[in-house]
C-alpha atoms as a PDB file:
ATOM      1  CA  MET A   1      -0.058   0.110  -0.056  1.00  0.00           C
ATOM      2  CA  ILE A   2       2.786   2.241   0.868  1.00  0.00           C
ATOM      3  CA  ALA A   3       4.787   1.742  -2.310  1.00  0.00           C
ATOM      4  CA  ARG A   4       1.431   2.453  -4.324  1.00  0.00           C
ATOM      5  CA  SER A   5       0.976   5.485  -2.502  1.00  0.00           C
ATOM      6  CA  LEU A   6       4.436   6.972  -3.123  1.00  0.00           C
ATOM      7  CA  ALA A   7       4.337   5.765  -6.883  1.00  0.00           C
ATOM      8  CA  GLY A   8       1.272   7.974  -7.121  1.00  0.00           C
ATOM      9  CA  THR A   9       2.300  10.785  -5.464  1.00  0.00           C
ATOM     10  CA  LEU A  10       5.842  11.111  -6.539  1.00  0.00           C
ATOM     11  CA  LEU A  11       5.269   9.598 -10.315  1.00  0.00           C
ATOM     12  CA  GLY A  12       1.895  11.189 -10.578  1.00  0.00           C
ATOM     13  CA  PHE A  13       3.561  14.667  -9.879  1.00  0.00           C
ATOM     14  CA  THR A  14       6.234  14.211 -12.507  1.00  0.00           C
ATOM     15  CA  LEU A  15       3.657  12.754 -14.861  1.00  0.00           C
ATOM     16  CA  SER A  16       1.245  15.508 -14.466  1.00  0.00           C
ATOM     17  CA  ALA A  17       3.800  18.037 -14.817  1.00  0.00           C
ATOM     18  CA  ALA A  18       5.279  16.521 -18.146  1.00  0.00           C
ATOM     19  CA  LEU A  19       1.539  16.424 -19.559  1.00  0.00           C
ATOM     20  CA  VAL A  20       0.870  20.021 -18.842  1.00  0.00           C
ATOM     21  CA  ALA A  21       4.198  21.095 -20.173  1.00  0.00           C
ATOM     22  CA  LEU A  22       3.670  18.905 -23.216  1.00  0.00           C
ATOM     23  CA  LEU A  23       0.054  20.575 -23.937  1.00  0.00           C
ATOM     24  CA  HIS A  24       1.636  23.956 -23.363  1.00  0.00           C
ATOM     25  CA  ALA A  25       4.498  23.143 -25.985  1.00  0.00           C
ATOM     26  CA  LEU A  26       2.211  22.154 -28.625  1.00  0.00           C
ATOM     27  CA  PRO A  27       0.822  24.743 -31.156  1.00  0.00           C
ATOM     28  CA  GLY A  28      -1.900  26.790 -29.466  1.00  0.00           C
ATOM     29  CA  GLY A  29      -1.241  25.749 -25.960  1.00  0.00           C
ATOM     30  CA  GLN A  30       0.618  29.152 -24.912  1.00  0.00           C
ATOM     31  CA  GLY A  31      -2.896  30.846 -24.775  1.00  0.00           C
ATOM     32  CA  ALA A  32      -4.142  28.178 -22.293  1.00  0.00           C
ATOM     33  CA  LEU A  33      -1.602  28.356 -19.608  1.00  0.00           C
ATOM     34  CA  VAL A  34      -3.980  29.407 -16.792  1.00  0.00           C
ATOM     35  CA  ALA A  35      -6.357  26.315 -17.597  1.00  0.00           C
ATOM     36  CA  LEU A  36      -3.306  24.008 -17.945  1.00  0.00           C
ATOM     37  CA  LEU A  37      -2.115  25.059 -14.586  1.00  0.00           C
ATOM     38  CA  LEU A  38      -5.492  24.573 -13.291  1.00  0.00           C
ATOM     39  CA  ALA A  39      -5.763  21.173 -14.740  1.00  0.00           C
ATOM     40  CA  PHE A  40      -2.549  19.932 -13.074  1.00  0.00           C
ATOM     41  CA  PHE A  41      -4.059  19.172  -9.717  1.00  0.00           C
ATOM     42  CA  PRO A  42      -7.027  17.121 -10.880  1.00  0.00           C
ATOM     43  CA  LEU A  43      -4.235  15.053 -13.181  1.00  0.00           C
ATOM     44  CA  TRP A  44      -2.219  14.500 -10.048  1.00  0.00           C
ATOM     45  CA  ILE A  45      -5.322  13.499  -8.239  1.00  0.00           C
ATOM     46  CA  GLY A  46      -6.366  11.240 -10.850  1.00  0.00           C
ATOM     47  CA  PHE A  47      -2.759   9.628 -11.138  1.00  0.00           C
ATOM     48  CA  MET A  48      -2.491   9.032  -7.284  1.00  0.00           C
ATOM     49  CA  THR A  49      -5.734   7.138  -7.780  1.00  0.00           C
ATOM     50  CA  LEU A  50      -4.576   5.150 -10.765  1.00  0.00           C
ATOM     51  CA  ALA A  51      -1.731   3.930  -8.647  1.00  0.00           C
ATOM     52  CA  PHE A  52      -4.135   1.992  -6.562  1.00  0.00           C
ATOM     53  CA  PHE A  53      -5.734   0.116  -9.515  1.00  0.00           C
ATOM     54  CA  PHE A  54      -2.298  -1.802 -10.069  1.00  0.00           C
ATOM     55  CA  ARG A  55      -1.964  -5.265  -8.335  1.00  0.00           C
ATOM     56  CA  ASN A  56       0.947  -4.235  -6.314  1.00  0.00           C
ATOM     57  CA  GLY A  57       3.513  -1.564  -5.833  1.00  0.00           C
ATOM     58  CA  SER A  58       6.230  -2.670  -8.124  1.00  0.00           C
ATOM     59  CA  ARG A  59       3.506  -2.608 -11.069  1.00  0.00           C
ATOM     60  CA  ALA A  60       2.457   0.816  -9.966  1.00  0.00           C
ATOM     61  CA  TRP A  61       5.959   1.810 -10.226  1.00  0.00           C
ATOM     62  CA  LEU A  62       6.911   0.212 -13.550  1.00  0.00           C
ATOM     63  CA  GLY A  63       3.605   1.328 -15.351  1.00  0.00           C
ATOM     64  CA  LEU A  64       3.519   4.969 -14.114  1.00  0.00           C
ATOM     65  CA  GLY A  65       7.365   5.233 -14.619  1.00  0.00           C
ATOM     66  CA  ALA A  66       6.595   4.014 -18.013  1.00  0.00           C
ATOM     67  CA  ALA A  67       3.912   6.474 -18.667  1.00  0.00           C
ATOM     68  CA  ASN A  68       6.694   9.227 -17.163  1.00  0.00           C
ATOM     69  CA  LEU A  69       9.246   8.108 -19.803  1.00  0.00           C
ATOM     70  CA  LEU A  70       6.850   8.169 -22.512  1.00  0.00           C
ATOM     71  CA  ALA A  71       5.532  11.886 -21.567  1.00  0.00           C
ATOM     72  CA  ILE A  72       8.893  13.234 -21.184  1.00  0.00           C
ATOM     73  CA  GLY A  73      10.279  11.839 -24.282  1.00  0.00           C
ATOM     74  CA  ALA A  74       7.026  13.275 -26.142  1.00  0.00           C
ATOM     75  CA  LEU A  75       7.887  16.641 -24.559  1.00  0.00           C
ATOM     76  CA  TRP A  76      11.549  16.126 -25.590  1.00  0.00           C
ATOM     77  CA  LEU A  77      10.435  15.849 -29.263  1.00  0.00           C
ATOM     78  CA  VAL A  78       8.102  18.574 -29.327  1.00  0.00           C
ATOM     79  CA  ARG A  79      10.590  20.971 -28.027  1.00  0.00           C
ATOM     80  CA  HIS A  80      13.810  19.656 -29.892  1.00  0.00           C
ATOM     81  CA  GLY A  81      12.591  17.458 -32.663  1.00  0.00           C
ATOM     82  CA  GLY A  82      10.625  19.849 -34.517  1.00  0.00           C
ATOM     83  CA  ALA A  83      13.127  22.841 -34.901  1.00  0.00           C
END
């Protein structure tokens, strides 16, 4: 239970931040900064809740960790790959 809680809290935070940054980096996202910042907290709460749907803590860490890698990789591609 503690492992899933920590996975949801720590990796959920970074995943939410990466998704908000990714949406902000996309074309047209600069005008919606306030809405994206307001969406950060519900996303974080959602990822914390999602962590408890995994069977055990190690799967929560692996699942949310993989999602973090994908989100950060997509953010890197949007910022550096298109220019």
